C-alpha atoms as a PDB file:
ATOM      1  CA  MET A   1      15.637   1.444 -20.916  1.00  0.00           C
ATOM      2  CA  SER A   2      16.407   4.582 -18.899  1.00  0.00           C
ATOM      3  CA  ALA A   3      14.436   5.917 -16.169  1.00  0.00           C
ATOM      4  CA  CYS A   4      14.762   9.673 -14.414  1.00  0.00           C
ATOM      5  CA  ALA A   5      13.759  10.171 -11.206  1.00  0.00           C
ATOM      6  CA  VAL A   6      11.336  13.374 -10.528  1.00  0.00           C
ATOM      7  CA  THR A   7      10.634  14.791  -7.124  1.00  0.00           C
ATOM      8  CA  LEU A   8       8.551  17.831  -6.810  1.00  0.00           C
ATOM      9  CA  PRO A   9       8.103  19.789  -3.558  1.00  0.00           C
ATOM     10  CA  ALA A  10       4.450  19.571  -1.503  1.00  0.00           C
ATOM     11  CA  VAL A  11       2.005  21.957  -1.224  1.00  0.00           C
ATOM     12  CA  ASN A  12       2.073  23.335   2.335  1.00  0.00           C
ATOM     13  CA  ASP A  13      -1.631  24.611   2.396  1.00  0.00           C
ATOM     14  CA  GLN A  14      -3.492  21.887   0.790  1.00  0.00           C
ATOM     15  CA  PRO A  15      -5.891  19.590   2.854  1.00  0.00           C
ATOM     16  CA  THR A  16      -5.384  16.487   0.579  1.00  0.00           C
ATOM     17  CA  TRP A  17      -4.535  16.142  -3.142  1.00  0.00           C
ATOM     18  CA  ILE A  18      -7.986  14.955  -3.562  1.00  0.00           C
ATOM     19  CA  ASP A  19      -9.330  18.088  -2.481  1.00  0.00           C
ATOM     20  CA  ARG A  20      -7.448  19.671  -5.063  1.00  0.00           C
ATOM     21  CA  ILE A  21      -8.775  17.687  -7.800  1.00  0.00           C
ATOM     22  CA  ILE A  22     -12.242  17.647  -6.750  1.00  0.00           C
ATOM     23  CA  ASP A  23     -11.322  21.754  -6.993  1.00  0.00           C
ATOM     24  CA  VAL A  24     -10.159  21.701 -10.296  1.00  0.00           C
ATOM     25  CA  THR A  25     -12.525  19.577 -11.733  1.00  0.00           C
ATOM     26  CA  GLY A  26     -15.914  21.063 -10.277  1.00  0.00           C
ATOM     27  CA  TRP A  27     -16.652  17.195  -9.662  1.00  0.00           C
ATOM     28  CA  ARG A  28     -19.567  17.417  -7.089  1.00  0.00           C
ATOM     29  CA  HIS A  29     -21.222  14.005  -7.506  1.00  0.00           C
ATOM     30  CA  LYS A  30     -22.701  11.386  -5.187  1.00  0.00           C
ATOM     31  CA  SER A  31     -19.526   9.090  -3.884  1.00  0.00           C
ATOM     32  CA  GLU A  32     -19.512   5.569  -4.698  1.00  0.00           C
ATOM     33  CA  ASN A  33     -19.437   3.097  -1.533  1.00  0.00           C
ATOM     34  CA  GLY A  34     -15.675   2.191  -1.633  1.00  0.00           C
ATOM     35  CA  ALA A  35     -16.825  -1.682  -1.628  1.00  0.00           C
ATOM     36  CA  GLY A  36     -14.764  -3.711  -3.411  1.00  0.00           C
ATOM     37  CA  TRP A  37     -11.303  -3.351  -2.226  1.00  0.00           C
ATOM     38  CA  ASP A  38     -10.760  -6.323   0.395  1.00  0.00           C
ATOM     39  CA  GLN A  39     -11.070  -8.988  -2.072  1.00  0.00           C
ATOM     40  CA  VAL A  40      -8.426  -7.145  -4.010  1.00  0.00           C
ATOM     41  CA  GLU A  41      -6.136  -6.979  -1.775  1.00  0.00           C
ATOM     42  CA  ALA A  42      -6.749 -10.186  -0.769  1.00  0.00           C
ATOM     43  CA  GLU A  43      -5.433 -11.563  -4.261  1.00  0.00           C
ATOM     44  CA  LEU A  44      -2.737  -8.990  -4.099  1.00  0.00           C
ATOM     45  CA  GLY A  45      -1.637 -10.112  -0.482  1.00  0.00           C
ATOM     46  CA  VAL A  46      -0.881  -6.664  -0.051  1.00  0.00           C
ATOM     47  CA  ALA A  47      -3.064  -2.996   0.793  1.00  0.00           C
ATOM     48  CA  LEU A  48      -3.232  -0.386  -1.800  1.00  0.00           C
ATOM     49  CA  PRO A  49      -2.636   3.094  -1.339  1.00  0.00           C
ATOM     50  CA  THR A  50      -5.431   4.901   0.929  1.00  0.00           C
ATOM     51  CA  ASP A  51      -5.650   7.946  -1.490  1.00  0.00           C
ATOM     52  CA  PHE A  52      -6.039   5.910  -4.531  1.00  0.00           C
ATOM     53  CA  LYS A  53      -9.115   3.816  -3.415  1.00  0.00           C
ATOM     54  CA  GLU A  54     -10.272   6.716  -1.846  1.00  0.00           C
ATOM     55  CA  LEU A  55     -10.132   8.602  -5.281  1.00  0.00           C
ATOM     56  CA  CYS A  56     -12.545   5.776  -6.596  1.00  0.00           C
ATOM     57  CA  ARG A  57     -14.641   6.310  -4.209  1.00  0.00           C
ATOM     58  CA  ARG A  58     -15.326   9.546  -4.273  1.00  0.00           C
ATOM     59  CA  PHE A  59     -15.433   9.480  -8.616  1.00  0.00           C
ATOM     60  CA  VAL A  60     -17.506   7.064  -9.854  1.00  0.00           C
ATOM     61  CA  PRO A  61     -15.681   5.550 -13.031  1.00  0.00           C
ATOM     62  CA  GLY A  62     -14.604   7.767 -15.694  1.00  0.00           C
ATOM     63  CA  SER A  63     -12.049   9.599 -16.611  1.00  0.00           C
ATOM     64  CA  PHE A  64     -10.345  12.730 -15.461  1.00  0.00           C
ATOM     65  CA  TYR A  65     -10.290  15.271 -18.156  1.00  0.00           C
ATOM     66  CA  ALA A  66     -11.897  12.142 -20.593  1.00  0.00           C
ATOM     67  CA  TYR A  67      -8.123  11.054 -20.549  1.00  0.00           C
ATOM     68  CA  LEU A  68      -6.785   9.397 -17.465  1.00  0.00           C
ATOM     69  CA  ASP A  69      -8.449   6.174 -16.080  1.00  0.00           C
ATOM     70  CA  LEU A  70      -8.352   4.653 -13.150  1.00  0.00           C
ATOM     71  CA  LEU A  71      -8.453   0.926 -12.326  1.00  0.00           C
ATOM     72  CA  ARG A  72     -10.837  -0.632 -10.413  1.00  0.00           C
ATOM     73  CA  PRO A  73     -12.239  -2.933  -8.210  1.00  0.00           C
ATOM     74  CA  THR A  74     -14.764  -4.683 -10.649  1.00  0.00           C
ATOM     75  CA  ASP A  75     -15.582  -4.270 -14.554  1.00  0.00           C
ATOM     76  CA  ASP A  76     -18.638  -2.081 -14.114  1.00  0.00           C
ATOM     77  CA  HIS A  77     -17.829   0.286 -16.569  1.00  0.00           C
ATOM     78  CA  ALA A  78     -14.259   0.101 -15.878  1.00  0.00           C
ATOM     79  CA  GLN A  79     -10.870  -1.987 -16.230  1.00  0.00           C
ATOM     80  CA  PRO A  80     -10.477  -4.104 -13.198  1.00  0.00           C
ATOM     81  CA  LEU A  81      -7.341  -3.665 -11.468  1.00  0.00           C
ATOM     82  CA  LEU A  82      -7.017  -7.410 -10.599  1.00  0.00           C
ATOM     83  CA  GLY A  83      -8.074  -8.431 -14.552  1.00  0.00           C
ATOM     84  CA  MET A  84      -4.928  -5.943 -15.860  1.00  0.00           C
ATOM     85  CA  TRP A  85      -2.538  -7.125 -13.038  1.00  0.00           C
ATOM     86  CA  ALA A  86      -3.291 -10.783 -14.404  1.00  0.00           C
ATOM     87  CA  SER A  87      -2.560  -9.468 -17.652  1.00  0.00           C
ATOM     88  CA  CYS A  88       0.655  -7.854 -17.114  1.00  0.00           C
ATOM     89  CA  ARG A  89       1.727 -11.224 -15.166  1.00  0.00           C
ATOM     90  CA  GLN A  90       0.928 -13.300 -18.276  1.00  0.00           C
ATOM     91  CA  TRP A  91       2.553 -11.141 -20.495  1.00  0.00           C
ATOM     92  CA  ALA A  92       5.856 -10.767 -18.326  1.00  0.00           C
ATOM     93  CA  GLY A  93       5.996 -14.676 -18.028  1.00  0.00           C
ATOM     94  CA  GLY A  94       7.854 -15.229 -21.085  1.00  0.00           C
ATOM     95  CA  ASN A  95      11.432 -14.121 -21.542  1.00  0.00           C
ATOM     96  CA  GLU A  96      11.137 -11.867 -24.163  1.00  0.00           C
ATOM     97  CA  SER A  97       7.901 -10.018 -22.835  1.00  0.00           C
ATOM     98  CA  ALA A  98       9.379  -9.500 -19.841  1.00  0.00           C
ATOM     99  CA  ARG A  99      11.524  -7.104 -21.027  1.00  0.00           C
ATOM    100  CA  LEU A 100       8.585  -4.567 -21.749  1.00  0.00           C
ATOM    101  CA  TRP A 101       9.121  -3.964 -18.178  1.00  0.00           C
ATOM    102  CA  ALA A 102      12.959  -3.901 -18.026  1.00  0.00           C
ATOM    103  CA  PRO A 103      14.433  -3.235 -15.813  1.00  0.00           C
ATOM    104  CA  TYR A 104      11.268  -3.496 -13.482  1.00  0.00           C
ATOM    105  CA  GLU A 105       9.200  -7.003 -12.688  1.00  0.00           C
ATOM    106  CA  MET A 106       5.426  -7.513 -12.258  1.00  0.00           C
ATOM    107  CA  TYR A 107       4.674  -7.684  -8.305  1.00  0.00           C
ATOM    108  CA  GLU A 108       4.380 -11.245  -7.010  1.00  0.00           C
ATOM    109  CA  PRO A 109       2.752 -11.739  -3.926  1.00  0.00           C
ATOM    110  CA  ASP A 110       5.986 -14.468  -2.632  1.00  0.00           C
ATOM    111  CA  LYS A 111       8.390 -11.815  -4.045  1.00  0.00           C
ATOM    112  CA  GLY A 112       6.899  -8.702  -2.270  1.00  0.00           C
ATOM    113  CA  SER A 113       7.903  -5.913  -4.672  1.00  0.00           C
ATOM    114  CA  GLY A 114       7.093  -5.335  -8.197  1.00  0.00           C
ATOM    115  CA  LEU A 115       5.037  -3.094 -10.284  1.00  0.00           C
ATOM    116  CA  ILE A 116       0.820  -2.866  -9.863  1.00  0.00           C
ATOM    117  CA  GLN A 117      -0.872  -1.024 -12.522  1.00  0.00           C
ATOM    118  CA  TRP A 118      -3.425   1.356 -11.430  1.00  0.00           C
ATOM    119  CA  GLY A 119      -4.099   3.490 -14.397  1.00  0.00           C
ATOM    120  CA  SER A 120      -3.932   4.306 -17.897  1.00  0.00           C
ATOM    121  CA  ASP A 121      -4.662   7.205 -20.366  1.00  0.00           C
ATOM    122  CA  GLN A 122      -5.823   7.467 -24.180  1.00  0.00           C
ATOM    123  CA  THR A 123      -2.610   7.824 -25.597  1.00  0.00           C
ATOM    124  CA  GLU A 124      -1.476   4.063 -24.110  1.00  0.00           C
ATOM    125  CA  GLY A 125       0.472   5.618 -21.081  1.00  0.00           C
ATOM    126  CA  GLU A 126       0.490   3.552 -18.349  1.00  0.00           C
ATOM    127  CA  TYR A 127       0.846   3.995 -14.446  1.00  0.00           C
ATOM    128  CA  TYR A 128       2.227   1.867 -12.163  1.00  0.00           C
ATOM    129  CA  TRP A 129       3.284   1.409  -8.393  1.00  0.00           C
ATOM    130  CA  LEU A 130       6.326   0.012  -7.749  1.00  0.00           C
ATOM    131  CA  VAL A 131       5.522  -1.813  -4.752  1.00  0.00           C
ATOM    132  CA  ASP A 132       7.340  -2.584  -1.734  1.00  0.00           C
ATOM    133  CA  ARG A 133       6.332  -4.557   1.080  1.00  0.00           C
ATOM    134  CA  SER A 134       9.158  -2.774   3.310  1.00  0.00           C
ATOM    135  CA  VAL A 135       7.345   0.351   3.505  1.00  0.00           C
ATOM    136  CA  GLU A 136       3.810   1.690   3.708  1.00  0.00           C
ATOM    137  CA  PRO A 137       1.996   1.586   0.806  1.00  0.00           C
ATOM    138  CA  ASP A 138       1.089   5.463   0.440  1.00  0.00           C
ATOM    139  CA  ARG A 139       4.681   6.032   0.306  1.00  0.00           C
ATOM    140  CA  TRP A 140       5.114   3.568  -3.066  1.00  0.00           C
ATOM    141  CA  LEU A 141       6.690   5.221  -5.903  1.00  0.00           C
ATOM    142  CA  VAL A 142       4.691   6.154  -9.094  1.00  0.00           C
ATOM    143  CA  VAL A 143       6.476   4.462 -11.979  1.00  0.00           C
ATOM    144  CA  ALA A 144       5.192   5.902 -15.401  1.00  0.00           C
ATOM    145  CA  ARG A 145       5.750   6.006 -19.137  1.00  0.00           C
ATOM    146  CA  TRP A 146       4.076   7.194 -22.542  1.00  0.00           C
ATOM    147  CA  GLU A 147       3.777   3.554 -23.870  1.00  0.00           C
ATOM    148  CA  ALA A 148       5.768   0.554 -23.842  1.00  0.00           C
ATOM    149  CA  ILE A 149       8.728   1.842 -25.933  1.00  0.00           C
ATOM    150  CA  GLU A 150       9.045   5.203 -23.746  1.00  0.00           C
ATOM    151  CA  PRO A 151      11.235   5.367 -20.719  1.00  0.00           C
ATOM    152  CA  TRP A 152      10.132   5.131 -17.158  1.00  0.00           C
ATOM    153  CA  HIS A 153      10.159   8.058 -15.090  1.00  0.00           C
ATOM    154  CA  ARG A 154       9.597   7.652 -11.573  1.00  0.00           C
ATOM    155  CA  PHE A 155       7.817   9.905  -8.948  1.00  0.00           C
ATOM    156  CA  ASP A 156       8.303  10.524  -5.077  1.00  0.00           C
ATOM    157  CA  MET A 157       4.292  11.444  -4.560  1.00  0.00           C
ATOM    158  CA  SER A 158       1.128  10.158  -3.891  1.00  0.00           C
ATOM    159  CA  THR A 159      -1.185   8.990  -6.838  1.00  0.00           C
ATOM    160  CA  ALA A 160      -3.435  11.797  -6.285  1.00  0.00           C
ATOM    161  CA  GLU A 161      -0.673  14.048  -6.552  1.00  0.00           C
ATOM    162  CA  PHE A 162       0.267  12.291  -9.582  1.00  0.00           C
ATOM    163  CA  VAL A 163      -3.223  12.309 -11.278  1.00  0.00           C
ATOM    164  CA  TYR A 164      -3.484  16.129  -9.842  1.00  0.00           C
ATOM    165  CA  ARG A 165      -0.605  17.387 -11.588  1.00  0.00           C
ATOM    166  CA  VAL A 166      -1.586  15.218 -14.903  1.00  0.00           C
ATOM    167  CA  ILE A 167      -4.523  17.230 -15.003  1.00  0.00           C
ATOM    168  CA  ALA A 168      -3.902  20.401 -13.590  1.00  0.00           C
ATOM    169  CA  ASP A 169      -0.132  21.093 -13.580  1.00  0.00           C
ATOM    170  CA  PRO A 170       1.471  22.354 -17.330  1.00  0.00           C
ATOM    171  CA  GLU A 171       4.870  22.153 -15.806  1.00  0.00           C
ATOM    172  CA  PHE A 172       4.413  18.456 -15.072  1.00  0.00           C
ATOM    173  CA  LYS A 173       6.323  17.176 -18.336  1.00  0.00           C
ATOM    174  CA  PRO A 174       5.648  14.799 -19.934  1.00  0.00           C
ATOM    175  CA  PHE A 175       2.396  13.477 -18.260  1.00  0.00           C
ATOM    176  CA  THR A 176       0.430  16.723 -18.525  1.00  0.00           C
ATOM    177  CA  VAL A 177      -2.515  17.342 -20.386  1.00  0.00           C
ATOM    178  CA  ALA A 178      -3.172  20.733 -18.027  1.00  0.00           C
ATOM    179  CA  ASP A 179      -4.247  23.817 -20.278  1.00  0.00           C
ATOM    180  CA  PRO A 180      -3.727  27.301 -18.071  1.00  0.00           C
ATOM    181  CA  SER A 181      -6.569  28.784 -20.108  1.00  0.00           C
ATOM    182  CA  ARG A 182      -8.744  25.933 -19.849  1.00  0.00           C
ATOM    183  CA  ARG A 183     -10.590  24.289 -16.989  1.00  0.00           C
ATOM    184  CA  ALA A 184     -10.068  20.488 -15.714  1.00  0.00           C
ATOM    185  CA  PHE A 185     -12.998  18.402 -15.824  1.00  0.00           C
ATOM    186  CA  TYR A 186     -14.285  14.532 -14.857  1.00  0.00           C
ATOM    187  CA  LEU A 187     -15.686  12.298 -17.381  1.00  0.00           C
ATOM    188  CA  PRO A 188     -18.298  10.094 -15.760  1.00  0.00           C
ATOM    189  CA  HIS A 189     -19.152   6.768 -17.710  1.00  0.00           C
ATOM    190  CA  TRP A 190     -22.632   7.871 -18.565  1.00  0.00           C
ATOM    191  CA  GLY A 191     -21.318  10.809 -19.869  1.00  0.00           C
ATOM    192  CA  PRO A 192     -21.010  11.871 -23.565  1.00  0.00           C
ATOM    193  CA  PHE A 193     -17.700  12.396 -24.964  1.00  0.00           C
ATOM    194  CA  PRO A 194     -16.544  15.292 -26.361  1.00  0.00           C
ATOM    195  CA  MET A 195     -16.471  14.861 -30.017  1.00  0.00           C
ATOM    196  CA  ASN A 196     -15.605  18.252 -31.300  1.00  0.00           C
ATOM    197  CA  ALA A 197     -14.210  21.487 -30.449  1.00  0.00           C
ATOM    198  CA  ASP A 198     -17.368  23.177 -28.868  1.00  0.00           C
ATOM    199  CA  ASP A 199     -17.807  20.036 -26.868  1.00  0.00           C
ATOM    200  CA  TRP A 200     -14.421  20.533 -25.851  1.00  0.00           C
ATOM    201  CA  ASP A 201     -15.005  23.931 -25.335  1.00  0.00           C
ATOM    202  CA  ALA A 202     -17.430  23.474 -22.867  1.00  0.00           C
ATOM    203  CA  PHE A 203     -16.428  20.882 -21.436  1.00  0.00           C
ATOM    204  CA  THR A 204     -12.873  23.013 -20.508  1.00  0.00           C
ATOM    205  CA  ASP A 205     -14.499  26.591 -20.220  1.00  0.00           C
ATOM    206  CA  PRO A 206     -13.122  28.415 -17.536  1.00  0.00           C
ATOM    207  CA  ASN A 207     -16.286  29.551 -16.372  1.00  0.00           C
ATOM    208  CA  ARG A 208     -17.765  26.490 -16.175  1.00  0.00           C
ATOM    209  CA  THR A 209     -19.799  25.695 -12.446  1.00  0.00           C
ATOM    210  CA  GLY A 210     -19.957  22.134 -11.735  1.00  0.00           C
END
């Protein structure tokens, strides 16, 4: 499989990328308590990026644009990160299956480098960190692809910036779902999924508040 590297310029006037995500989605609900990551990190043998954990804290289980989901510490209304990691490791244990992630390998605590999945989407897209225990977790590359048969793309950016660009940057191809004429939104697990054009128009109304 081929891979391409993309580095996008930093935005100088940001407070944080999470603030930008909140701004474009209008999400203003109560934050989660952020618990559960200690056990996850203990089993992984490595700390996870702080902005990812903060995203999970600020946004209850759900999906960005009813499209992109974050993996969580538990399976309460979401797919657990450890469960996905275990599943990927099991698949990668077979010689033929391991080729699905080539040229990368799954992260193993005793190796110190490899892939850990942090998100997925409604079109079988896969989002990983390229874990490297020799650098700070907040500096890990994001590695993503549309589906298992598609090429990998590497991004030198934080998890939160990647999420922001998927939902708000129409130039972030091939991963963007942004529409300049519509507004991004966040769909919590309790929210009704938009089932028709009228629902989508209401969710993405550029004049929507909250």
